[in-house]
Amino acid sequence: MAASILGLIGGLGLFLFGMKQMSDALEKAAGAKMRGILEFFTKTPLRGILVGTFFTAVIQSSSATTVMVVSFVNSGLLNLYQAAGVIMGANIGTTVTSQLISFNLSVVAPVIVMAGVIMAMFCKNTRIQRIGEVCLGFGILFLGLNYMSDSMSVLRESSQVMEIMSSLTSHFLAVLMGIVVTAILQSSSATVGIVLLLAQQGMLDIRICFFIILGCNIGSCVSALLAALNGKKIAMRAALIHLFFNLIGTLFMYIVFTAALEPITAFIGGISNMDPGREVANAHTLIKIAEVILLAPFIKQIVKLTGFFVKGDEDTKKNTCDLQYIGKQSVFSPTTAVFDATREMERMGRMAVENLERAMNGLLTLNEKDIRQVYQVEEQIDFLNRAVTDYLVKINQTTLPMDDARSIGGLFHVVNDIERIGDHAENIADAARTRMTDKIDFSPAAEKELLEMLDMVLKITGYALDTFSNNNQQHMQEILELEDKVDTAERELQESHVQRLTRNECTAEAGMLFSDIISGLERVADHATNIAFSLLEEDPMDTYKKNQGYSLR
């Protein structure tokens, strides 16, 4: 008996590990592409349902999909109506696991494990390694099922165990059992897998299995709720959509099963050739499909219902020193970690560019309020620089999708370039203070030249941030041309200010400030170009020369 129980525990451990291994490997291989597909294919609830079904069928975990969706909502990738469709689809997609389990693949599991090991350990191609990790997880999953099945066959011989299992006749207690076990295991697929094996061994009556499956629906909501606890209000509302969908659907199906249990049992048995494992798998799939058909027309009402429980919008008057997309108010998911960091860096970049414009206004108008604010914003930029850098270090130590992992190095450079733009704004504020203290005047010609150069710099920084944050490459050529124009303008303005000095049109002090400022603006343009090309593998000058028709030999 003790050995059988240990075998059951060990088999369950292998099953859960195999499922996580498979899910993580698939997320690493396709996580970055998932974001783009979700954004493009979730414009309507029906598309969202189809996408949610497909993704969950692929990664074999509705919990992983719903946690991912909650993080996407928290990051602003999806709105609540889009999320609702994906969540509903995830409930159908998760039944693929039970369908696979019902077909006894344990015989070929060792072969799948060996194939996975060979691909993961001996192939140099990263994508093949990821496929190998998926196969390895898939094989381990079925090895775990095999261990559990063998242990259960021994336990079936125990009259005490059979007496305990046969005593479970209450439909309500069966639902409660499904909720508790799924909440503990954090996987409805694992619970359904165990129920399927128990049914195959004749240890659980098929009618009770149906109600345990209903309980799994509610227990599967725990992962998303836990993920949303530290997130924004909209993330909690997304998690509540999952909870309400499963609560309402389970209640409806509970009433239906209670009222017509025997006809439903006969129908499911008929389409399953009276195979208990197939009956459990088919019941799981049919329950989920019925719930989606029932509740899909009421997505808007379910979304509105979440507003009664999570009231109010996000506080838009946050201290700008606070992190908005990473940190305490974020839902961490490897699939959205780099996206969240990019959003935070985009925000930091906008602050730095606005501060540069503010500093130039303070320099030319000697507005004390603007100058003071430049220093305050620079402190916020320095805070974001440290926080984002720490976050990048943290996520670089986790398992990220392949495309995201490759971009981490570029992100470290971008956050440094943005921080340097902030430093140049502070340098201009220092120059403004010097102007006020020493009563230094600029000639009208010098002020006009500074504004013209600032316009070019603001244009190139705007293009650069758009390119970086939205992967919008339509301004690449303009960025390189603007960078050339800024370089040329810097040389010409240095010469023109020397000529003004020789004509006594400005003082030496004014000339020194003017020279420092245009040099700083030219460096800002360099940083902007770095930001725009940070995530591209090709050197920006090579891109420019190719577009101009030059040979790169």
Protein backbone atom coordinates (compact mmCIF):
# COMPACT_ATOMS: atom_id res chain seq x y z
CA MET A 1 0.00 0.00 0.00
CA ALA A 2 2.74 2.49 1.02
CA ALA A 3 4.72 1.74 -2.15
CA SER A 4 1.63 2.29 -4.28
CA ILE A 5 0.93 5.64 -2.62
CA LEU A 6 4.56 6.70 -3.15
CA GLY A 7 4.32 5.59 -6.78
CA LEU A 8 1.15 7.64 -7.18
CA ILE A 9 2.84 10.71 -5.69
CA GLY A 10 5.91 10.23 -7.86
CA GLY A 11 3.80 9.76 -10.97
CA LEU A 12 1.85 12.93 -10.19
CA GLY A 13 5.14 14.78 -9.75
CA LEU A 14 6.38 13.60 -13.15
CA PHE A 15 3.04 14.53 -14.73
CA LEU A 16 3.13 18.09 -13.33
CA PHE A 17 6.80 18.52 -14.18
CA GLY A 18 6.27 17.25 -17.73
CA MET A 19 3.35 19.62 -18.25
CA LYS A 20 5.34 22.60 -16.97
CA GLN A 21 8.39 21.62 -19.01
CA MET A 22 6.28 21.38 -22.17
CA SER A 23 4.42 24.64 -21.48
CA ASP A 24 7.61 26.59 -20.66
CA ALA A 25 9.41 25.30 -23.76
CA LEU A 26 6.50 26.32 -25.99
CA GLU A 27 6.35 29.76 -24.38
CA LYS A 28 10.09 30.20 -24.94
CA ALA A 29 9.77 29.20 -28.57
CA ALA A 30 6.66 31.19 -29.43
CA GLY A 31 6.03 33.70 -26.62
CA ALA A 32 7.06 36.81 -28.57
CA LYS A 33 4.98 35.75 -31.59
CA MET A 34 1.99 35.13 -29.31
CA ARG A 35 1.85 38.85 -28.48
CA GLY A 36 1.62 39.84 -32.13
CA ILE A 37 -0.99 37.19 -32.89
CA LEU A 38 -3.08 38.16 -29.88
CA GLU A 39 -3.00 41.84 -30.86
CA PHE A 40 -3.97 41.09 -34.47
CA PHE A 41 -6.48 38.26 -34.05
CA THR A 42 -8.49 39.39 -31.03
CA LYS A 43 -10.38 42.29 -32.56
CA THR A 44 -13.69 40.46 -32.00
CA PRO A 45 -14.76 38.06 -29.20
CA LEU A 46 -15.21 35.20 -31.69
CA ARG A 47 -11.63 35.58 -32.93
CA GLY A 48 -10.50 35.77 -29.31
CA ILE A 49 -12.26 32.48 -28.54
CA LEU A 50 -10.57 30.80 -31.51
CA VAL A 51 -7.13 32.20 -30.57
CA GLY A 52 -7.58 31.21 -26.90
CA THR A 53 -8.58 27.69 -27.94
CA PHE A 54 -5.60 27.33 -30.25
CA PHE A 55 -3.01 28.73 -27.81
CA THR A 56 -4.20 26.63 -24.90
CA ALA A 57 -4.31 23.52 -27.06
CA VAL A 58 -0.69 24.23 -28.01
CA ILE A 59 0.76 25.07 -24.58
CA GLN A 60 -1.48 22.53 -22.80
CA SER A 61 -2.37 24.81 -19.89
CA SER A 62 -5.41 27.04 -19.46
CA SER A 63 -3.82 28.42 -16.28
CA ALA A 64 -0.75 29.54 -18.26
CA THR A 65 -2.97 31.12 -20.93
CA THR A 66 -5.18 32.99 -18.47
CA VAL A 67 -2.20 34.24 -16.43
CA MET A 68 -0.67 35.39 -19.73
CA VAL A 69 -3.92 37.13 -20.70
CA VAL A 70 -4.08 38.88 -17.31
CA SER A 71 -0.52 40.12 -17.83
CA PHE A 72 -1.40 41.28 -21.37
CA VAL A 73 -4.36 43.26 -20.02
CA ASN A 74 -2.15 44.73 -17.28
CA SER A 75 0.38 45.76 -19.95
CA GLY A 76 -2.27 47.30 -22.20
CA LEU A 77 -1.89 44.71 -25.01
CA LEU A 78 -5.51 43.59 -24.69
CA ASN A 79 -8.69 45.27 -23.48
CA LEU A 80 -11.18 43.44 -21.28
CA TYR A 81 -13.51 42.47 -24.14
CA GLN A 82 -10.64 40.92 -26.09
CA ALA A 83 -9.41 39.16 -22.94
CA ALA A 84 -12.86 37.68 -22.29
CA GLY A 85 -12.88 35.94 -25.67
CA VAL A 86 -9.38 34.51 -25.19
CA ILE A 87 -10.25 33.28 -21.68
CA MET A 88 -13.37 31.51 -22.96
CA GLY A 89 -11.35 29.89 -25.73
CA ALA A 90 -8.73 28.78 -23.20
CA ASN A 91 -11.39 26.76 -21.42
CA ILE A 92 -11.99 24.75 -24.59
CA GLY A 93 -8.29 24.44 -25.47
CA THR A 94 -7.43 22.93 -22.11
CA THR A 95 -9.57 19.88 -22.87
CA VAL A 96 -7.04 18.77 -25.50
CA THR A 97 -4.86 17.48 -22.67
CA SER A 98 -7.56 15.14 -21.36
CA GLN A 99 -8.26 13.98 -24.92
CA LEU A 100 -4.58 13.09 -25.37
CA ILE A 101 -4.48 11.33 -22.01
CA SER A 102 -7.54 9.25 -22.89
CA PHE A 103 -5.58 7.75 -25.80
CA ASN A 104 -3.04 5.58 -24.03
CA LEU A 105 0.27 6.97 -25.29
CA SER A 106 2.28 5.63 -22.35
CA VAL A 107 3.68 2.85 -24.57
CA VAL A 108 5.52 5.35 -26.80
CA ALA A 109 6.40 7.78 -23.95
CA PRO A 110 9.98 6.43 -23.53
CA VAL A 111 10.62 6.90 -27.26
CA ILE A 112 9.31 10.50 -27.07
CA VAL A 113 11.52 11.19 -24.03
CA MET A 114 14.62 9.84 -25.80
CA ALA A 115 13.87 11.87 -28.93
CA GLY A 116 13.48 14.97 -26.76
CA VAL A 117 16.77 14.33 -24.95
CA ILE A 118 18.65 13.90 -28.24
CA MET A 119 17.25 17.13 -29.70
CA ALA A 120 17.71 19.15 -26.50
CA MET A 121 21.25 17.95 -25.70
CA PHE A 122 22.93 17.24 -29.01
CA CYS A 123 21.42 19.67 -31.53
CA LYS A 124 23.02 23.11 -31.81
CA ASN A 125 20.03 24.78 -33.49
CA THR A 126 18.11 26.64 -30.76
CA ARG A 127 14.70 26.00 -32.27
CA ILE A 128 15.35 22.26 -32.50
CA GLN A 129 16.48 22.35 -28.86
CA ARG A 130 13.17 23.98 -27.93
CA ILE A 131 11.24 21.32 -29.86
CA GLY A 132 13.29 18.73 -27.99
CA GLU A 133 12.32 20.29 -24.65
CA VAL A 134 8.65 20.15 -25.70
CA CYS A 135 8.99 16.46 -26.62
CA LEU A 136 10.81 15.76 -23.37
CA GLY A 137 8.02 17.37 -21.34
CA PHE A 138 5.38 15.52 -23.35
CA GLY A 139 7.08 12.19 -22.78
CA ILE A 140 7.64 12.78 -19.06
CA LEU A 141 3.96 13.70 -18.73
CA PHE A 142 2.90 10.31 -20.06
CA LEU A 143 5.53 8.46 -18.03
CA GLY A 144 4.00 10.09 -14.96
CA LEU A 145 0.55 8.95 -16.07
CA ASN A 146 1.87 5.43 -16.51
CA TYR A 147 3.29 5.41 -12.95
CA MET A 148 0.01 6.72 -11.57
CA SER A 149 -1.99 4.14 -13.51
CA ASP A 150 0.18 1.27 -12.25
CA SER A 151 -0.12 2.52 -8.66
CA MET A 152 -3.88 2.89 -8.93
CA SER A 153 -4.25 -0.67 -10.25
CA VAL A 154 -2.61 -1.89 -7.04
CA LEU A 155 -4.71 0.42 -4.84
CA ARG A 156 -7.83 -0.93 -6.52
CA GLU A 157 -7.12 -4.27 -4.83
CA SER A 158 -7.51 -2.60 -1.41
CA SER A 159 -11.04 -2.94 -0.05
CA GLN A 160 -10.48 0.10 2.18
CA VAL A 161 -9.54 2.33 -0.75
CA MET A 162 -12.47 1.10 -2.84
CA GLU A 163 -14.82 1.68 0.08
CA ILE A 164 -13.60 5.26 0.45
CA MET A 165 -13.89 5.95 -3.30
CA SER A 166 -17.35 4.38 -3.56
CA SER A 167 -18.58 6.44 -0.60
CA LEU A 168 -18.25 9.62 -2.70
CA THR A 169 -21.84 9.93 -3.90
CA SER A 170 -22.64 13.56 -3.15
CA HIS A 171 -22.62 15.73 -6.27
CA PHE A 172 -21.85 18.85 -4.25
CA LEU A 173 -18.90 17.22 -2.47
CA ALA A 174 -17.58 16.03 -5.85
CA VAL A 175 -17.63 19.62 -7.15
CA LEU A 176 -15.90 20.77 -3.96
CA MET A 177 -13.25 18.07 -4.39
CA GLY A 178 -12.58 19.25 -7.94
CA ILE A 179 -12.19 22.85 -6.74
CA VAL A 180 -9.80 22.00 -3.90
CA VAL A 181 -7.58 19.54 -5.80
CA THR A 182 -7.29 21.86 -8.82
CA ALA A 183 -6.53 24.87 -6.60
CA ILE A 184 -3.74 22.89 -4.91
CA LEU A 185 -2.25 21.43 -8.10
CA GLN A 186 -2.73 24.73 -10.02
CA SER A 187 -3.77 22.65 -13.04
CA SER A 188 -7.22 21.50 -14.09
CA SER A 189 -5.57 19.22 -16.66
CA ALA A 190 -3.76 17.38 -13.86
CA THR A 191 -6.99 16.91 -11.88
CA VAL A 192 -8.91 15.71 -14.94
CA GLY A 193 -6.01 13.37 -15.74
CA ILE A 194 -6.22 11.81 -12.27
CA VAL A 195 -10.01 11.51 -12.52
CA LEU A 196 -9.63 9.88 -15.94
CA LEU A 197 -7.22 7.29 -14.55
CA LEU A 198 -9.49 6.58 -11.57
CA ALA A 199 -12.40 6.06 -13.95
CA GLN A 200 -10.34 3.72 -16.13
CA GLN A 201 -9.43 1.66 -13.06
CA GLY A 202 -13.08 1.48 -12.01
CA MET A 203 -12.36 3.34 -8.78
CA LEU A 204 -14.72 6.27 -9.51
CA ASP A 205 -18.26 6.15 -10.85
CA ILE A 206 -18.45 8.01 -14.15
CA ARG A 207 -21.34 10.15 -12.88
CA ILE A 208 -19.24 11.48 -10.00
CA CYS A 209 -16.40 12.18 -12.44
CA PHE A 210 -18.66 14.64 -14.30
CA PHE A 211 -19.18 16.71 -11.15
CA ILE A 212 -15.50 16.66 -10.20
CA ILE A 213 -14.80 18.08 -13.67
CA LEU A 214 -17.27 20.89 -12.94
CA GLY A 215 -15.31 21.68 -9.78
CA CYS A 216 -12.08 21.79 -11.80
CA ASN A 217 -13.58 24.71 -13.76
CA ILE A 218 -13.67 26.88 -10.65
CA GLY A 219 -10.38 25.64 -9.16
CA SER A 220 -8.54 26.59 -12.35
CA CYS A 221 -9.31 30.28 -11.65
CA VAL A 222 -6.94 30.41 -8.67
CA SER A 223 -3.77 30.92 -10.77
CA ALA A 224 -5.15 33.98 -12.59
CA LEU A 225 -6.55 35.49 -9.38
CA LEU A 226 -3.20 35.12 -7.62
CA ALA A 227 -1.38 36.63 -10.60
CA ALA A 228 -3.72 39.66 -10.60
CA LEU A 229 -3.49 40.42 -6.87
CA ASN A 230 -0.55 42.82 -7.23
CA GLY A 231 -1.59 44.11 -10.63
CA LYS A 232 -3.68 47.04 -11.75
CA LYS A 233 -7.45 47.10 -11.30
CA ILE A 234 -7.96 46.15 -14.93
CA ALA A 235 -5.84 43.02 -14.40
CA MET A 236 -8.03 41.98 -11.47
CA ARG A 237 -11.10 42.53 -13.63
CA ALA A 238 -9.61 40.23 -16.28
CA ALA A 239 -9.08 37.54 -13.64
CA LEU A 240 -12.67 38.02 -12.45
CA ILE A 241 -13.92 37.48 -16.01
CA HIS A 242 -12.33 34.03 -15.82
CA LEU A 243 -13.87 33.38 -12.40
CA PHE A 244 -17.39 34.58 -13.32
CA PHE A 245 -17.36 32.66 -16.60
CA ASN A 246 -16.51 29.44 -14.78
CA LEU A 247 -18.84 30.08 -11.83
CA ILE A 248 -21.86 30.83 -14.02
CA GLY A 249 -21.05 28.04 -16.46
CA THR A 250 -20.49 25.51 -13.66
CA LEU A 251 -23.74 26.47 -11.92
CA PHE A 252 -25.69 26.08 -15.16
CA MET A 253 -24.07 22.73 -16.01
CA TYR A 254 -24.58 21.51 -12.41
CA ILE A 255 -28.32 22.11 -12.75
CA VAL A 256 -28.40 20.43 -16.17
CA PHE A 257 -26.45 17.37 -14.99
CA THR A 258 -28.51 17.04 -11.83
CA ALA A 259 -31.78 17.22 -13.77
CA ALA A 260 -30.80 14.87 -16.61
CA LEU A 261 -27.84 12.85 -15.33
CA GLU A 262 -28.85 9.45 -16.73
CA PRO A 263 -29.66 10.60 -20.31
CA ILE A 264 -26.41 12.64 -20.41
CA THR A 265 -24.41 9.69 -19.07
CA ALA A 266 -25.94 7.40 -21.70
CA PHE A 267 -25.20 9.93 -24.48
CA ILE A 268 -21.56 10.42 -23.47
CA GLY A 269 -21.11 6.69 -23.03
CA GLY A 270 -22.55 6.10 -26.50
CA ILE A 271 -20.14 8.48 -28.25
CA SER A 272 -17.21 7.10 -26.23
CA ASN A 273 -17.76 3.37 -26.91
CA MET A 274 -18.33 2.95 -23.17
CA ASP A 275 -14.61 3.54 -22.53
CA PRO A 276 -14.43 5.30 -19.10
CA GLY A 277 -11.32 7.29 -20.04
CA ARG A 278 -12.88 8.52 -23.26
CA GLU A 279 -16.10 9.32 -21.39
CA VAL A 280 -14.23 11.61 -18.96
CA ALA A 281 -12.31 13.31 -21.78
CA ASN A 282 -15.41 13.80 -23.93
CA ALA A 283 -17.44 15.07 -20.98
CA HIS A 284 -14.68 17.57 -20.21
CA THR A 285 -14.69 18.85 -23.80
CA LEU A 286 -18.50 18.97 -24.16
CA ILE A 287 -18.93 20.81 -20.84
CA LYS A 288 -16.47 23.50 -21.90
CA ILE A 289 -17.98 23.91 -25.37
CA ALA A 290 -21.49 24.16 -23.88
CA GLU A 291 -20.37 26.82 -21.41
CA VAL A 292 -18.77 28.91 -24.17
CA ILE A 293 -21.85 28.64 -26.42
CA LEU A 294 -24.04 29.65 -23.46
CA LEU A 295 -21.99 32.62 -22.26
CA ALA A 296 -20.28 34.00 -25.39
CA PRO A 297 -23.31 36.22 -26.24
CA PHE A 298 -23.04 37.80 -22.77
CA ILE A 299 -19.38 38.89 -22.84
CA LYS A 300 -20.27 42.57 -22.46
CA GLN A 301 -22.47 41.84 -19.45
CA ILE A 302 -19.75 39.72 -17.78
CA VAL A 303 -17.18 42.49 -18.32
CA LYS A 304 -19.60 45.05 -16.82
CA LEU A 305 -20.24 42.73 -13.88
CA THR A 306 -16.53 42.84 -12.96
CA GLY A 307 -16.88 46.62 -12.63
CA PHE A 308 -19.26 46.16 -9.68
CA PHE A 309 -16.59 44.24 -7.76
CA VAL A 310 -13.53 46.26 -8.80
CA LYS A 311 -14.67 49.86 -8.80
CA GLY A 312 -12.91 52.91 -10.20
CA ASP A 313 -10.21 53.40 -12.79
CA GLU A 314 -6.48 53.48 -12.35
CA ASP A 315 -5.12 56.50 -10.52
CA THR A 316 -3.92 58.72 -13.36
CA LYS A 317 -2.29 61.18 -10.93
CA LYS A 318 0.46 58.84 -9.85
CA ASN A 319 3.84 60.13 -8.85
CA THR A 320 5.84 59.95 -12.08
CA CYS A 321 8.63 58.39 -10.02
CA ASP A 322 6.43 55.33 -9.64
CA LEU A 323 6.81 52.42 -12.01
CA GLN A 324 3.71 51.97 -14.17
CA TYR A 325 4.43 48.86 -16.20
CA ILE A 326 6.93 46.94 -14.07
CA GLY A 327 7.29 46.57 -10.33
CA LYS A 328 4.56 46.17 -7.73
CA GLN A 329 1.68 47.11 -10.04
CA SER A 330 2.65 44.64 -12.75
CA VAL A 331 1.68 41.04 -13.41
CA PHE A 332 4.92 39.20 -14.13
CA SER A 333 4.86 36.84 -17.08
CA PRO A 334 7.96 35.82 -19.07
CA THR A 335 5.95 36.33 -22.26
CA THR A 336 5.27 40.01 -21.49
CA ALA A 337 8.34 40.87 -19.37
CA VAL A 338 10.29 42.46 -22.24
CA PHE A 339 7.16 44.17 -23.58
CA ASP A 340 6.52 45.68 -20.12
CA ALA A 341 10.13 46.86 -19.87
CA THR A 342 9.83 48.44 -23.33
CA ARG A 343 6.68 50.30 -22.28
CA GLU A 344 8.43 51.61 -19.15
CA MET A 345 11.45 52.67 -21.22
CA GLU A 346 9.20 54.40 -23.77
CA ARG A 347 7.65 56.36 -20.91
CA MET A 348 11.12 57.21 -19.59
CA GLY A 349 12.16 58.30 -23.10
CA ARG A 350 9.16 60.61 -23.48
CA MET A 351 10.01 62.19 -20.12
CA ALA A 352 13.63 62.74 -21.21
CA VAL A 353 12.64 64.35 -24.54
CA GLU A 354 10.03 66.59 -22.89
CA ASN A 355 12.65 67.57 -20.33
CA LEU A 356 15.08 68.48 -23.13
CA GLU A 357 12.45 70.77 -24.67
CA ARG A 358 11.67 72.22 -21.25
CA ALA A 359 15.37 72.89 -20.61
CA MET A 360 15.76 74.72 -23.93
CA ASN A 361 12.71 76.84 -23.16
CA GLY A 362 14.19 77.67 -19.76
CA LEU A 363 17.51 78.58 -21.43
CA LEU A 364 15.97 80.97 -23.94
CA THR A 365 13.22 82.52 -21.76
CA LEU A 366 15.07 82.26 -18.41
CA ASN A 367 11.88 80.81 -16.91
CA GLU A 368 12.85 79.81 -13.34
CA LYS A 369 9.92 77.41 -13.00
CA ASP A 370 10.96 75.46 -16.11
CA ILE A 371 14.57 75.28 -14.95
CA ARG A 372 13.57 73.96 -11.51
CA GLN A 373 11.29 71.36 -13.08
CA VAL A 374 14.12 70.09 -15.29
CA TYR A 375 16.07 69.04 -12.19
CA GLN A 376 13.00 67.41 -10.62
CA VAL A 377 12.25 65.37 -13.75
CA GLU A 378 15.91 64.38 -14.06
CA GLU A 379 15.69 62.81 -10.59
CA GLN A 380 12.69 60.79 -11.81
CA ILE A 381 14.59 59.71 -14.94
CA ASP A 382 17.54 58.59 -12.80
CA PHE A 383 15.15 56.57 -10.62
CA LEU A 384 13.61 54.91 -13.68
CA ASN A 385 17.06 54.19 -15.08
CA ARG A 386 18.04 52.26 -11.94
CA ALA A 387 14.68 50.48 -11.65
CA VAL A 388 14.50 49.43 -15.31
CA THR A 389 18.12 48.28 -15.29
CA ASP A 390 17.47 46.16 -12.17
CA TYR A 391 14.37 44.71 -13.84
CA LEU A 392 16.30 43.83 -17.01
CA VAL A 393 18.92 42.05 -14.89
CA LYS A 394 16.14 40.14 -13.11
CA ILE A 395 14.29 39.01 -16.24
CA ASN A 396 17.56 38.13 -17.96
CA GLN A 397 17.92 35.42 -15.30
CA THR A 398 14.51 33.92 -16.12
CA THR A 399 13.30 31.79 -19.02
CA LEU A 400 12.28 34.20 -21.78
CA PRO A 401 10.97 33.58 -25.31
CA MET A 402 13.91 33.28 -27.71
CA ASP A 403 13.28 36.55 -29.58
CA ASP A 404 12.93 38.45 -26.30
CA ALA A 405 16.08 36.90 -24.85
CA ARG A 406 18.06 38.11 -27.86
CA SER A 407 16.81 41.69 -27.38
CA ILE A 408 17.91 42.07 -23.74
CA GLY A 409 21.40 43.33 -24.64
CA GLY A 410 19.93 46.05 -26.83
CA LEU A 411 17.53 47.11 -24.08
CA PHE A 412 20.41 47.72 -21.67
CA HIS A 413 21.92 50.09 -24.25
CA VAL A 414 18.61 51.87 -24.82
CA VAL A 415 18.00 52.62 -21.15
CA ASN A 416 21.52 54.05 -20.96
CA ASP A 417 20.96 56.21 -24.06
CA ILE A 418 17.71 57.58 -22.64
CA GLU A 419 19.41 58.40 -19.35
CA ARG A 420 22.15 60.28 -21.28
CA ILE A 421 19.49 62.36 -23.08
CA GLY A 422 18.20 63.28 -19.63
CA ASP A 423 21.72 64.30 -18.60
CA HIS A 424 22.02 66.62 -21.62
CA ALA A 425 18.72 68.28 -20.62
CA GLU A 426 20.20 68.86 -17.16
CA ASN A 427 23.35 70.34 -18.72
CA ILE A 428 21.19 72.83 -20.65
CA ALA A 429 19.41 73.74 -17.39
CA ASP A 430 22.85 74.37 -15.86
CA ALA A 431 23.62 76.67 -18.79
CA ALA A 432 20.32 78.51 -18.17
CA ARG A 433 21.29 79.05 -14.54
CA THR A 434 24.67 80.37 -15.67
CA ARG A 435 22.92 82.79 -18.05
CA MET A 436 20.75 84.10 -15.21
CA THR A 437 23.59 84.38 -12.73
CA ASP A 438 26.14 86.00 -15.06
CA LYS A 439 23.51 87.94 -17.07
CA ILE A 440 24.69 86.47 -20.38
CA ASP A 441 22.75 87.41 -23.51
CA PHE A 442 22.39 85.46 -26.74
CA SER A 443 22.10 87.29 -30.04
CA PRO A 444 18.81 86.86 -31.98
CA ALA A 445 20.72 84.89 -34.63
CA ALA A 446 22.10 82.47 -32.00
CA GLU A 447 18.63 81.91 -30.50
CA LYS A 448 17.18 81.23 -33.96
CA GLU A 449 19.94 78.70 -34.71
CA LEU A 450 19.40 76.92 -31.39
CA LEU A 451 15.68 76.58 -32.03
CA GLU A 452 16.25 75.24 -35.55
CA MET A 453 18.67 72.63 -34.25
CA LEU A 454 16.30 71.73 -31.41
CA ASP A 455 13.49 71.14 -33.92
CA MET A 456 15.65 68.62 -35.79
CA VAL A 457 16.68 66.90 -32.56
CA LEU A 458 13.09 66.65 -31.31
CA LYS A 459 12.04 65.19 -34.65
CA ILE A 460 14.74 62.51 -34.64
CA THR A 461 14.05 61.57 -30.99
CA GLY A 462 10.33 61.27 -31.74
CA TYR A 463 11.02 58.96 -34.68
CA ALA A 464 13.52 56.96 -32.61
CA LEU A 465 11.13 56.31 -29.73
CA ASP A 466 8.37 55.32 -32.15
CA THR A 467 10.73 52.92 -33.92
CA PHE A 468 11.89 51.40 -30.64
CA SER A 469 8.57 51.08 -28.82
CA ASN A 470 6.30 50.15 -31.75
CA ASN A 471 8.83 48.44 -34.03
CA ASN A 472 7.81 51.00 -36.65
CA GLN A 473 10.62 50.97 -39.20
CA GLN A 474 9.11 53.37 -41.75
CA HIS A 475 11.24 56.30 -40.47
CA MET A 476 14.61 54.50 -40.49
CA GLN A 477 15.88 56.39 -43.54
CA GLU A 478 14.67 59.74 -42.18
CA ILE A 479 16.42 59.07 -38.87
CA LEU A 480 19.76 58.48 -40.60
CA GLU A 481 19.30 61.53 -42.82
CA LEU A 482 18.33 63.69 -39.85
CA GLU A 483 21.36 62.45 -37.93
CA ASP A 484 23.56 63.56 -40.86
CA LYS A 485 21.80 66.95 -40.96
CA VAL A 486 22.31 67.47 -37.21
CA ASP A 487 26.02 66.63 -37.56
CA THR A 488 26.34 69.09 -40.44
CA ALA A 489 24.37 71.77 -38.57
CA GLU A 490 26.60 71.35 -35.51
CA ARG A 491 29.75 71.99 -37.57
CA GLU A 492 28.20 74.97 -39.38
CA LEU A 493 26.88 76.53 -36.18
CA GLN A 494 30.25 76.19 -34.47
CA GLU A 495 31.78 78.13 -37.38
CA SER A 496 29.04 80.78 -37.40
CA HIS A 497 29.39 81.44 -33.69
CA VAL A 498 33.17 81.93 -34.11
CA GLN A 499 32.41 84.48 -36.80
CA ARG A 500 30.00 86.30 -34.45
CA LEU A 501 32.74 86.37 -31.83
CA THR A 502 35.20 87.95 -34.27
CA ARG A 503 32.61 90.58 -35.18
CA ASN A 504 31.96 91.28 -31.46
CA GLU A 505 28.29 90.34 -31.92
CA CYS A 506 28.39 88.17 -28.81
CA THR A 507 30.54 87.74 -25.74
CA ALA A 508 33.06 84.96 -25.12
CA GLU A 509 30.87 83.64 -22.27
CA ALA A 510 27.84 83.45 -24.55
CA GLY A 511 29.94 81.76 -27.22
CA MET A 512 31.12 79.06 -24.80
CA LEU A 513 27.56 78.29 -23.66
CA PHE A 514 26.34 78.25 -27.27
CA SER A 515 29.12 75.83 -28.30
CA ASP A 516 28.43 73.47 -25.38
CA ILE A 517 24.68 73.42 -26.05
CA ILE A 518 24.87 72.59 -29.76
CA SER A 519 27.46 69.90 -29.00
CA GLY A 520 25.05 68.44 -26.45
CA LEU A 521 22.16 68.52 -28.94
CA GLU A 522 24.31 66.73 -31.52
CA ARG A 523 25.04 63.98 -28.97
CA VAL A 524 21.31 63.67 -28.22
CA ALA A 525 20.77 62.96 -31.94
CA ASP A 526 23.47 60.25 -31.71
CA HIS A 527 21.70 58.67 -28.73
CA ALA A 528 18.39 58.82 -30.62
CA THR A 529 19.93 56.96 -33.57
CA ASN A 530 21.27 54.32 -31.19
CA ILE A 531 17.80 53.88 -29.70
CA ALA A 532 16.17 53.50 -33.11
CA PHE A 533 18.60 50.78 -34.20
CA SER A 534 19.08 49.15 -30.81
CA LEU A 535 17.12 45.98 -31.57
CA LEU A 536 18.32 45.54 -35.15
CA GLU A 537 21.15 43.15 -35.85
CA GLU A 538 22.52 45.22 -38.75
CA ASP A 539 24.71 48.27 -38.24
CA PRO A 540 22.75 51.50 -38.95
CA MET A 541 25.42 52.90 -41.28
CA ASP A 542 25.39 49.66 -43.30
CA THR A 543 21.62 50.03 -43.63
CA TYR A 544 22.03 53.64 -44.74
CA LYS A 545 24.72 52.85 -47.29
CA LYS A 546 22.75 49.97 -48.76
CA ASN A 547 19.69 52.19 -49.11
CA GLN A 548 21.87 54.77 -50.86
CA GLY A 549 23.20 52.13 -53.30
CA TYR A 550 26.76 51.96 -51.94
CA SER A 551 28.78 48.75 -51.92
CA LEU A 552 29.66 47.46 -48.45
CA ARG A 553 32.82 45.62 -49.53
